[in-house]
């Protein structure tokens, strides 16, 4: 995301298939994006996945740090309890391509492969700027191949990482 292009509108990040712990329970960590992009006044985050408890799906104003509050900066989030492609289909023409879609350790090349197929197809067809992380090298390489086979033009990179949660970049594309 380039900061200059994000000043005129509130950037939209969509987190796909989030786990309740750590993504939802520690959502305040996304505020670091605002700290790195100080011209961004409002950051919007949508969490979308079948494991999310049902919610009202309305925008919720989230607490920010004292420095951001003094500057009038806001972080808003929404929760959707469905797969991402079902979310996009339900919105129809109101669907907005996000500035970034991200999935942390999705397992889309493993046991959850079937549940991710529609989402992967949607992301590739709509050219959604996307990042998937993986648990280890093998999973990262398998997921990179899965996206390439779906037609994504992956950013050139060698699969590298270190042992850590989300320590491997599986793919990044637009």
N, C-alpha and C. Protein backbone atom coordinates (compact mmCIF):
# COMPACT_ATOMS: atom_id res chain seq x y z
N UNK A 1 0.85 -1.17 0.00
CA UNK A 1 0.00 0.00 0.00
C UNK A 1 0.89 1.24 0.00
N UNK A 2 0.65 2.14 -0.90
CA UNK A 2 1.40 3.39 -0.92
C UNK A 2 0.62 4.43 -0.15
N UNK A 3 1.31 5.07 0.79
CA UNK A 3 0.64 5.99 1.70
C UNK A 3 -0.06 7.13 0.98
N UNK A 4 0.54 7.69 -0.05
CA UNK A 4 -0.06 8.83 -0.73
C UNK A 4 -1.43 8.48 -1.30
N UNK A 5 -1.58 7.29 -1.84
CA UNK A 5 -2.87 6.91 -2.42
C UNK A 5 -3.90 6.57 -1.35
N UNK A 6 -3.48 6.35 -0.12
CA UNK A 6 -4.39 5.97 0.94
C UNK A 6 -4.90 7.16 1.75
N UNK A 7 -4.35 8.34 1.53
CA UNK A 7 -4.75 9.50 2.31
C UNK A 7 -6.16 9.93 1.97
N UNK A 8 -6.56 9.84 0.70
CA UNK A 8 -7.86 10.35 0.28
C UNK A 8 -9.01 9.43 0.68
N UNK A 9 -8.74 8.19 1.01
CA UNK A 9 -9.80 7.28 1.43
C UNK A 9 -9.28 6.42 2.58
N UNK A 10 -10.20 5.84 3.30
CA UNK A 10 -9.81 4.96 4.39
C UNK A 10 -9.38 3.62 3.81
N UNK A 11 -8.13 3.21 4.04
CA UNK A 11 -7.70 1.92 3.50
C UNK A 11 -8.54 0.79 4.07
N UNK A 12 -8.77 -0.21 3.24
CA UNK A 12 -9.57 -1.37 3.61
C UNK A 12 -8.70 -2.62 3.54
N UNK A 13 -8.57 -3.28 4.68
CA UNK A 13 -7.84 -4.55 4.76
C UNK A 13 -8.86 -5.62 5.12
N UNK A 14 -8.81 -6.74 4.41
CA UNK A 14 -9.71 -7.84 4.71
C UNK A 14 -8.87 -9.04 5.15
N UNK A 15 -9.18 -9.54 6.34
CA UNK A 15 -8.47 -10.68 6.91
C UNK A 15 -9.34 -11.91 6.67
N UNK A 16 -8.80 -12.86 5.92
CA UNK A 16 -9.57 -14.02 5.48
C UNK A 16 -9.32 -15.22 6.39
N UNK A 17 -10.39 -15.86 6.80
CA UNK A 17 -10.29 -17.05 7.63
C UNK A 17 -9.55 -16.85 8.93
N UNK A 18 -9.81 -15.74 9.62
CA UNK A 18 -9.05 -15.48 10.85
C UNK A 18 -9.39 -16.48 11.96
N UNK A 19 -8.40 -16.74 12.77
CA UNK A 19 -8.62 -17.54 13.97
C UNK A 19 -9.04 -16.58 15.09
N UNK A 20 -9.88 -17.06 15.97
CA UNK A 20 -10.30 -16.21 17.08
C UNK A 20 -9.06 -15.78 17.86
N UNK A 21 -8.14 -16.68 18.06
CA UNK A 21 -6.86 -16.36 18.70
C UNK A 21 -5.80 -16.73 17.68
N UNK A 22 -5.00 -15.91 17.13
CA UNK A 22 -4.65 -14.59 17.61
C UNK A 22 -5.30 -13.42 16.87
N UNK A 23 -5.81 -13.61 15.65
CA UNK A 23 -6.22 -12.45 14.86
C UNK A 23 -7.34 -11.63 15.49
N UNK A 24 -8.40 -12.26 15.94
CA UNK A 24 -9.52 -11.49 16.48
C UNK A 24 -9.25 -10.96 17.88
N UNK A 25 -8.67 -11.77 18.72
CA UNK A 25 -8.43 -11.36 20.11
C UNK A 25 -7.32 -10.30 20.22
N UNK A 26 -6.49 -10.23 19.19
CA UNK A 26 -5.39 -9.26 19.22
C UNK A 26 -5.48 -8.29 18.04
N UNK A 27 -6.68 -7.96 17.64
CA UNK A 27 -6.90 -7.10 16.47
C UNK A 27 -6.30 -5.72 16.64
N UNK A 28 -6.07 -5.29 17.88
CA UNK A 28 -5.47 -3.98 18.11
C UNK A 28 -4.07 -3.89 17.51
N UNK A 29 -3.44 -5.03 17.26
CA UNK A 29 -2.11 -5.01 16.66
C UNK A 29 -2.12 -4.42 15.25
N UNK A 30 -3.29 -4.45 14.60
CA UNK A 30 -3.39 -3.85 13.26
C UNK A 30 -3.21 -2.33 13.31
N UNK A 31 -3.32 -1.74 14.48
CA UNK A 31 -3.10 -0.31 14.62
C UNK A 31 -1.67 0.07 14.23
N UNK A 32 -0.76 -0.88 14.29
CA UNK A 32 0.63 -0.61 13.90
C UNK A 32 0.70 -0.11 12.45
N UNK A 33 -0.24 -0.52 11.62
CA UNK A 33 -0.28 -0.03 10.23
C UNK A 33 -0.44 1.48 10.24
N UNK A 34 -1.29 2.00 11.11
CA UNK A 34 -1.48 3.45 11.19
C UNK A 34 -0.22 4.13 11.71
N UNK A 35 0.50 3.48 12.59
CA UNK A 35 1.74 4.06 13.10
C UNK A 35 2.79 4.14 12.01
N UNK A 36 2.78 3.18 11.09
CA UNK A 36 3.75 3.18 10.00
C UNK A 36 3.32 4.09 8.84
N UNK A 37 2.05 4.39 8.75
CA UNK A 37 1.50 5.26 7.71
C UNK A 37 0.78 6.42 8.39
N UNK A 38 1.51 7.39 8.92
CA UNK A 38 0.90 8.42 9.76
C UNK A 38 -0.12 9.32 9.06
N UNK A 39 -0.18 9.35 7.74
CA UNK A 39 -1.17 10.18 7.06
C UNK A 39 -2.53 9.49 6.97
N UNK A 40 -2.59 8.20 7.27
CA UNK A 40 -3.86 7.48 7.25
C UNK A 40 -4.65 7.88 8.49
N UNK A 41 -5.85 8.42 8.28
CA UNK A 41 -6.69 8.88 9.39
C UNK A 41 -7.63 7.79 9.89
N UNK A 42 -8.09 6.93 9.00
CA UNK A 42 -9.01 5.85 9.37
C UNK A 42 -8.56 4.57 8.69
N UNK A 43 -8.47 3.51 9.45
CA UNK A 43 -8.14 2.20 8.93
C UNK A 43 -9.36 1.30 9.12
N UNK A 44 -9.80 0.65 8.05
CA UNK A 44 -10.95 -0.25 8.10
C UNK A 44 -10.46 -1.68 7.91
N UNK A 45 -10.91 -2.56 8.79
CA UNK A 45 -10.51 -3.97 8.72
C UNK A 45 -11.77 -4.82 8.76
N UNK A 46 -11.88 -5.73 7.80
CA UNK A 46 -12.97 -6.69 7.79
C UNK A 46 -12.38 -8.07 8.06
N UNK A 47 -12.92 -8.74 9.06
CA UNK A 47 -12.54 -10.12 9.37
C UNK A 47 -13.65 -11.00 8.81
N UNK A 48 -13.28 -11.94 7.96
CA UNK A 48 -14.28 -12.75 7.27
C UNK A 48 -13.87 -14.21 7.30
N UNK A 49 -14.69 -15.05 7.94
CA UNK A 49 -14.40 -16.47 7.97
C UNK A 49 -15.49 -17.25 8.67
N UNK A 50 -15.63 -18.53 8.32
CA UNK A 50 -16.70 -19.34 8.89
C UNK A 50 -16.54 -19.62 10.38
N UNK A 51 -15.35 -19.44 10.94
CA UNK A 51 -15.13 -19.70 12.36
C UNK A 51 -15.43 -18.49 13.24
N UNK A 52 -15.77 -17.37 12.63
CA UNK A 52 -16.10 -16.17 13.40
C UNK A 52 -17.49 -16.33 13.99
N UNK A 53 -17.64 -16.04 15.27
CA UNK A 53 -18.99 -16.10 15.85
C UNK A 53 -19.92 -15.12 15.15
N UNK A 54 -21.19 -15.48 14.95
CA UNK A 54 -22.13 -14.56 14.29
C UNK A 54 -22.15 -13.21 15.00
N UNK A 55 -22.23 -12.16 14.22
CA UNK A 55 -22.18 -10.81 14.73
C UNK A 55 -23.15 -9.96 13.94
N UNK A 56 -23.30 -8.73 14.32
CA UNK A 56 -24.24 -7.83 13.64
C UNK A 56 -23.72 -7.36 12.28
N UNK A 57 -22.46 -7.54 11.99
CA UNK A 57 -21.83 -7.13 10.73
C UNK A 57 -21.79 -5.62 10.54
N UNK A 58 -22.07 -4.86 11.58
CA UNK A 58 -21.96 -3.40 11.50
C UNK A 58 -20.53 -2.97 11.79
N UNK A 59 -20.16 -1.79 11.32
CA UNK A 59 -18.84 -1.25 11.65
C UNK A 59 -18.78 -0.97 13.14
N UNK A 60 -17.68 -1.35 13.76
CA UNK A 60 -17.44 -1.08 15.18
C UNK A 60 -16.22 -0.18 15.29
N UNK A 61 -16.37 0.89 16.04
CA UNK A 61 -15.23 1.76 16.31
C UNK A 61 -14.39 1.09 17.38
N UNK A 62 -13.10 0.92 17.11
CA UNK A 62 -12.22 0.24 18.04
C UNK A 62 -11.34 1.25 18.77
N UNK A 63 -10.90 0.86 19.93
CA UNK A 63 -10.04 1.72 20.72
C UNK A 63 -8.68 1.86 20.03
N UNK A 64 -8.10 3.04 20.12
CA UNK A 64 -6.76 3.28 19.59
C UNK A 64 -5.86 3.78 20.73
N UNK A 65 -4.60 3.86 20.45
CA UNK A 65 -3.65 4.32 21.46
C UNK A 65 -3.86 5.82 21.72
N UNK A 66 -3.36 6.33 22.83
CA UNK A 66 -3.54 7.76 23.15
C UNK A 66 -3.03 8.70 22.06
N UNK A 67 -1.92 8.36 21.43
CA UNK A 67 -1.37 9.21 20.38
C UNK A 67 -2.32 9.29 19.19
N UNK A 68 -2.87 8.15 18.77
CA UNK A 68 -3.82 8.14 17.65
C UNK A 68 -5.11 8.85 18.02
N UNK A 69 -5.59 8.66 19.26
CA UNK A 69 -6.81 9.36 19.70
C UNK A 69 -6.62 10.87 19.65
N UNK A 70 -5.47 11.35 20.13
CA UNK A 70 -5.21 12.80 20.11
C UNK A 70 -5.18 13.33 18.68
N UNK A 71 -4.73 12.53 17.75
CA UNK A 71 -4.65 12.94 16.35
C UNK A 71 -5.97 12.72 15.60
N UNK A 72 -6.98 12.19 16.30
CA UNK A 72 -8.28 11.96 15.66
C UNK A 72 -8.29 10.78 14.70
N UNK A 73 -7.36 9.87 14.87
CA UNK A 73 -7.27 8.70 13.99
C UNK A 73 -8.17 7.59 14.50
N UNK A 74 -8.72 6.82 13.57
CA UNK A 74 -9.69 5.79 13.93
C UNK A 74 -9.34 4.45 13.30
N UNK A 75 -9.74 3.40 14.01
CA UNK A 75 -9.65 2.03 13.50
C UNK A 75 -11.03 1.43 13.64
N UNK A 76 -11.58 0.99 12.50
CA UNK A 76 -12.92 0.41 12.47
C UNK A 76 -12.82 -1.03 12.00
N UNK A 77 -13.71 -1.88 12.50
CA UNK A 77 -13.71 -3.26 12.02
C UNK A 77 -15.11 -3.82 11.94
N UNK A 78 -15.23 -4.83 11.09
CA UNK A 78 -16.47 -5.57 10.89
C UNK A 78 -16.16 -7.05 10.95
N UNK A 79 -17.13 -7.84 11.35
CA UNK A 79 -16.97 -9.29 11.41
C UNK A 79 -18.04 -9.95 10.54
N UNK A 80 -17.61 -10.88 9.69
CA UNK A 80 -18.54 -11.65 8.86
C UNK A 80 -18.29 -13.13 9.09
N UNK A 81 -19.34 -13.86 9.44
CA UNK A 81 -19.23 -15.28 9.73
C UNK A 81 -19.60 -16.10 8.50
N UNK A 82 -18.70 -16.05 7.51
CA UNK A 82 -18.88 -16.84 6.28
C UNK A 82 -17.55 -16.83 5.53
N UNK A 83 -17.45 -17.70 4.53
CA UNK A 83 -16.23 -17.70 3.72
C UNK A 83 -16.15 -16.38 2.94
N UNK A 84 -14.97 -16.05 2.49
CA UNK A 84 -14.78 -14.78 1.80
C UNK A 84 -15.55 -14.73 0.49
N UNK A 85 -15.55 -15.82 -0.27
CA UNK A 85 -16.27 -15.78 -1.55
C UNK A 85 -17.78 -15.70 -1.32
N UNK A 86 -18.29 -16.28 -0.23
CA UNK A 86 -19.71 -16.13 0.10
C UNK A 86 -20.02 -14.69 0.50
N UNK A 87 -19.10 -14.08 1.23
CA UNK A 87 -19.23 -12.67 1.62
C UNK A 87 -19.31 -11.79 0.36
N UNK A 88 -18.39 -11.99 -0.58
CA UNK A 88 -18.36 -11.18 -1.80
C UNK A 88 -19.62 -11.41 -2.64
N UNK A 89 -20.04 -12.65 -2.74
CA UNK A 89 -21.24 -12.98 -3.51
C UNK A 89 -22.47 -12.32 -2.89
N UNK A 90 -22.56 -12.35 -1.58
CA UNK A 90 -23.71 -11.75 -0.88
C UNK A 90 -23.76 -10.24 -1.10
N UNK A 91 -22.60 -9.58 -1.15
CA UNK A 91 -22.57 -8.13 -1.36
C UNK A 91 -22.91 -7.76 -2.80
N UNK A 92 -22.64 -8.65 -3.73
CA UNK A 92 -22.92 -8.38 -5.13
C UNK A 92 -22.19 -7.14 -5.63
N UNK A 93 -22.92 -6.21 -6.24
CA UNK A 93 -22.29 -5.02 -6.81
C UNK A 93 -21.75 -4.07 -5.74
N UNK A 94 -22.12 -4.26 -4.49
CA UNK A 94 -21.60 -3.43 -3.40
C UNK A 94 -20.24 -3.91 -2.91
N UNK A 95 -19.78 -5.08 -3.43
CA UNK A 95 -18.47 -5.60 -3.03
C UNK A 95 -17.38 -4.61 -3.45
N UNK A 96 -16.48 -4.33 -2.54
CA UNK A 96 -15.37 -3.42 -2.79
C UNK A 96 -14.06 -4.19 -2.71
N UNK A 97 -13.26 -4.11 -3.77
CA UNK A 97 -11.95 -4.76 -3.74
C UNK A 97 -11.12 -4.04 -2.68
N UNK A 98 -10.56 -4.80 -1.73
CA UNK A 98 -9.80 -4.16 -0.66
C UNK A 98 -8.43 -3.69 -1.14
N UNK A 99 -7.81 -2.86 -0.32
CA UNK A 99 -6.42 -2.48 -0.59
C UNK A 99 -5.50 -3.67 -0.37
N UNK A 100 -5.92 -4.58 0.52
CA UNK A 100 -5.15 -5.78 0.81
C UNK A 100 -6.05 -6.83 1.43
N UNK A 101 -5.93 -8.06 0.94
CA UNK A 101 -6.55 -9.22 1.59
C UNK A 101 -5.40 -10.07 2.12
N UNK A 102 -5.54 -10.56 3.33
CA UNK A 102 -4.47 -11.34 3.93
C UNK A 102 -5.05 -12.53 4.67
N UNK A 103 -4.37 -13.66 4.58
CA UNK A 103 -4.74 -14.86 5.33
C UNK A 103 -3.49 -15.37 6.02
N UNK A 104 -3.61 -15.55 7.31
CA UNK A 104 -2.48 -16.02 8.12
C UNK A 104 -2.61 -17.52 8.34
N UNK A 105 -1.60 -18.27 7.89
CA UNK A 105 -1.57 -19.73 8.09
C UNK A 105 -2.92 -20.37 7.78
N UNK A 106 -3.41 -20.15 6.57
CA UNK A 106 -4.75 -20.60 6.19
C UNK A 106 -4.89 -22.11 6.10
N UNK A 107 -3.81 -22.80 5.76
CA UNK A 107 -3.90 -24.24 5.52
C UNK A 107 -4.63 -24.56 4.24
N UNK A 108 -4.72 -23.59 3.31
CA UNK A 108 -5.52 -23.78 2.10
C UNK A 108 -4.98 -24.89 1.19
N UNK A 109 -3.75 -25.29 1.38
CA UNK A 109 -3.21 -26.40 0.58
C UNK A 109 -3.30 -27.71 1.34
N UNK A 110 -3.80 -27.68 2.54
CA UNK A 110 -3.85 -28.87 3.38
C UNK A 110 -5.28 -29.34 3.53
N UNK A 111 -5.68 -29.64 4.74
CA UNK A 111 -7.00 -30.21 5.01
C UNK A 111 -8.14 -29.27 4.67
N UNK A 112 -7.90 -27.97 4.64
CA UNK A 112 -8.97 -27.00 4.37
C UNK A 112 -9.07 -26.63 2.89
N UNK A 113 -8.42 -27.38 2.03
CA UNK A 113 -8.33 -27.03 0.61
C UNK A 113 -9.69 -26.77 -0.05
N UNK A 114 -10.65 -27.66 0.18
CA UNK A 114 -11.96 -27.51 -0.47
C UNK A 114 -12.68 -26.25 -0.03
N UNK A 115 -12.57 -25.89 1.24
CA UNK A 115 -13.29 -24.71 1.72
C UNK A 115 -12.67 -23.41 1.20
N UNK A 116 -11.43 -23.45 0.73
CA UNK A 116 -10.77 -22.26 0.21
C UNK A 116 -10.89 -22.11 -1.32
N UNK A 117 -11.34 -23.13 -2.02
CA UNK A 117 -11.33 -23.11 -3.49
C UNK A 117 -12.09 -21.92 -4.06
N UNK A 118 -13.29 -21.64 -3.58
CA UNK A 118 -14.08 -20.51 -4.09
C UNK A 118 -13.43 -19.17 -3.78
N UNK A 119 -12.81 -19.07 -2.60
CA UNK A 119 -12.14 -17.82 -2.22
C UNK A 119 -10.92 -17.58 -3.10
N UNK A 120 -10.14 -18.61 -3.33
CA UNK A 120 -8.95 -18.47 -4.18
C UNK A 120 -9.37 -18.05 -5.59
N UNK A 121 -10.41 -18.67 -6.11
CA UNK A 121 -10.90 -18.31 -7.45
C UNK A 121 -11.32 -16.84 -7.48
N UNK A 122 -12.06 -16.40 -6.47
CA UNK A 122 -12.50 -15.00 -6.40
C UNK A 122 -11.31 -14.05 -6.34
N UNK A 123 -10.35 -14.32 -5.47
CA UNK A 123 -9.19 -13.45 -5.31
C UNK A 123 -8.42 -13.29 -6.62
N UNK A 124 -8.23 -14.41 -7.32
CA UNK A 124 -7.47 -14.38 -8.57
C UNK A 124 -8.26 -13.66 -9.66
N UNK A 125 -9.54 -14.00 -9.81
CA UNK A 125 -10.35 -13.39 -10.87
C UNK A 125 -10.51 -11.88 -10.68
N UNK A 126 -10.68 -11.44 -9.45
CA UNK A 126 -10.87 -10.01 -9.19
C UNK A 126 -9.55 -9.25 -9.02
N UNK A 127 -8.43 -9.97 -9.11
CA UNK A 127 -7.10 -9.37 -8.97
C UNK A 127 -6.96 -8.60 -7.65
N UNK A 128 -7.43 -9.23 -6.58
CA UNK A 128 -7.36 -8.63 -5.25
C UNK A 128 -5.92 -8.70 -4.76
N UNK A 129 -5.31 -7.57 -4.35
CA UNK A 129 -3.96 -7.63 -3.77
C UNK A 129 -4.00 -8.54 -2.54
N UNK A 130 -3.23 -9.61 -2.58
CA UNK A 130 -3.38 -10.67 -1.59
C UNK A 130 -2.04 -11.15 -1.06
N UNK A 131 -2.02 -11.48 0.23
CA UNK A 131 -0.87 -12.12 0.87
C UNK A 131 -1.39 -13.30 1.68
N UNK A 132 -0.77 -14.45 1.51
CA UNK A 132 -1.03 -15.61 2.34
C UNK A 132 0.27 -15.98 3.03
N UNK A 133 0.22 -16.26 4.31
CA UNK A 133 1.39 -16.78 5.00
C UNK A 133 1.17 -18.27 5.23
N UNK A 134 2.26 -18.96 5.52
CA UNK A 134 2.19 -20.40 5.73
C UNK A 134 2.99 -20.78 6.97
N UNK A 135 2.67 -21.96 7.51
CA UNK A 135 3.30 -22.42 8.73
C UNK A 135 4.75 -22.86 8.51
N UNK A 136 5.03 -23.46 7.34
CA UNK A 136 6.39 -23.93 7.07
C UNK A 136 6.66 -23.86 5.57
N UNK A 137 7.88 -24.19 5.19
CA UNK A 137 8.31 -24.09 3.80
C UNK A 137 7.45 -24.96 2.87
N UNK A 138 7.21 -26.20 3.25
CA UNK A 138 6.44 -27.11 2.40
C UNK A 138 5.03 -26.56 2.14
N UNK A 139 4.41 -26.07 3.20
CA UNK A 139 3.07 -25.50 3.05
C UNK A 139 3.11 -24.23 2.18
N UNK A 140 4.14 -23.41 2.37
CA UNK A 140 4.29 -22.20 1.57
C UNK A 140 4.45 -22.51 0.10
N UNK A 141 5.28 -23.51 -0.22
CA UNK A 141 5.47 -23.88 -1.62
C UNK A 141 4.19 -24.48 -2.20
N UNK A 142 3.49 -25.32 -1.43
CA UNK A 142 2.25 -25.93 -1.91
C UNK A 142 1.18 -24.86 -2.17
N UNK A 143 1.09 -23.88 -1.28
CA UNK A 143 0.09 -22.83 -1.47
C UNK A 143 0.45 -21.91 -2.63
N UNK A 144 1.75 -21.63 -2.79
CA UNK A 144 2.18 -20.85 -3.95
C UNK A 144 1.78 -21.54 -5.25
N UNK A 145 1.97 -22.85 -5.32
CA UNK A 145 1.58 -23.62 -6.52
C UNK A 145 0.06 -23.61 -6.71
N UNK A 146 -0.67 -23.70 -5.61
CA UNK A 146 -2.13 -23.68 -5.68
C UNK A 146 -2.62 -22.38 -6.31
N UNK A 147 -2.05 -21.27 -5.89
CA UNK A 147 -2.44 -19.97 -6.45
C UNK A 147 -1.97 -19.82 -7.90
N UNK A 148 -0.76 -20.28 -8.19
CA UNK A 148 -0.27 -20.21 -9.57
C UNK A 148 -1.16 -21.04 -10.49
N UNK A 149 -1.55 -22.22 -10.03
CA UNK A 149 -2.44 -23.07 -10.83
C UNK A 149 -3.82 -22.45 -11.02
N UNK A 150 -4.22 -21.57 -10.10
CA UNK A 150 -5.51 -20.88 -10.22
C UNK A 150 -5.41 -19.66 -11.12
N UNK A 151 -4.20 -19.36 -11.61
CA UNK A 151 -4.03 -18.25 -12.54
C UNK A 151 -3.42 -17.00 -11.96
N UNK A 152 -3.03 -17.02 -10.70
CA UNK A 152 -2.40 -15.84 -10.09
C UNK A 152 -0.99 -15.66 -10.63
N UNK A 153 -0.63 -14.42 -10.89
CA UNK A 153 0.74 -14.08 -11.26
C UNK A 153 1.43 -13.69 -9.96
N UNK A 154 2.20 -14.62 -9.42
CA UNK A 154 2.83 -14.39 -8.13
C UNK A 154 3.98 -13.41 -8.25
N UNK A 155 4.15 -12.61 -7.20
CA UNK A 155 5.30 -11.72 -7.15
C UNK A 155 6.55 -12.58 -7.14
N UNK A 156 7.57 -12.18 -7.90
CA UNK A 156 8.77 -13.01 -7.95
C UNK A 156 9.45 -13.04 -6.58
N UNK A 157 9.65 -14.23 -6.11
CA UNK A 157 10.37 -14.40 -4.85
C UNK A 157 10.74 -15.87 -4.70
N UNK A 158 11.70 -16.11 -3.87
CA UNK A 158 12.00 -17.46 -3.46
C UNK A 158 11.29 -17.65 -2.12
N UNK A 159 10.77 -18.84 -1.90
CA UNK A 159 10.12 -19.09 -0.63
C UNK A 159 11.20 -19.10 0.44
N UNK A 160 11.10 -18.14 1.33
CA UNK A 160 12.06 -18.05 2.42
C UNK A 160 11.31 -17.75 3.70
N UNK A 161 11.95 -17.96 4.79
CA UNK A 161 11.31 -17.67 6.05
C UNK A 161 12.13 -18.18 7.21
N UNK A 162 11.52 -18.26 8.33
CA UNK A 162 12.15 -18.77 9.53
C UNK A 162 11.04 -19.39 10.36
N UNK A 163 11.40 -20.22 11.31
CA UNK A 163 10.37 -20.90 12.09
C UNK A 163 9.70 -19.93 13.03
N UNK A 164 8.46 -19.62 12.72
CA UNK A 164 7.68 -18.69 13.51
C UNK A 164 6.26 -18.76 13.00
N UNK A 165 5.31 -18.38 13.83
CA UNK A 165 3.95 -18.27 13.34
C UNK A 165 3.96 -17.24 12.21
N UNK A 166 3.39 -17.58 11.07
CA UNK A 166 3.35 -16.70 9.89
C UNK A 166 4.75 -16.36 9.39
N UNK A 167 5.71 -17.26 9.60
CA UNK A 167 7.08 -16.98 9.22
C UNK A 167 7.39 -17.25 7.75
N UNK A 168 6.47 -17.77 7.00
CA UNK A 168 6.71 -18.11 5.60
C UNK A 168 5.69 -17.41 4.71
N UNK A 169 6.17 -16.74 3.69
CA UNK A 169 5.28 -16.11 2.72
C UNK A 169 4.93 -17.14 1.66
N UNK A 170 3.66 -17.51 1.59
CA UNK A 170 3.20 -18.50 0.62
C UNK A 170 3.03 -17.85 -0.75
N UNK A 171 2.47 -16.64 -0.78
CA UNK A 171 2.31 -15.93 -2.04
C UNK A 171 1.88 -14.52 -1.78
N UNK A 172 2.11 -13.69 -2.76
CA UNK A 172 1.63 -12.32 -2.79
C UNK A 172 1.32 -12.04 -4.25
N UNK A 173 0.15 -11.51 -4.55
CA UNK A 173 -0.21 -11.28 -5.95
C UNK A 173 -1.25 -10.20 -6.05
N UNK A 174 -1.45 -9.76 -7.28
CA UNK A 174 -2.51 -8.80 -7.58
C UNK A 174 -3.07 -9.14 -8.93
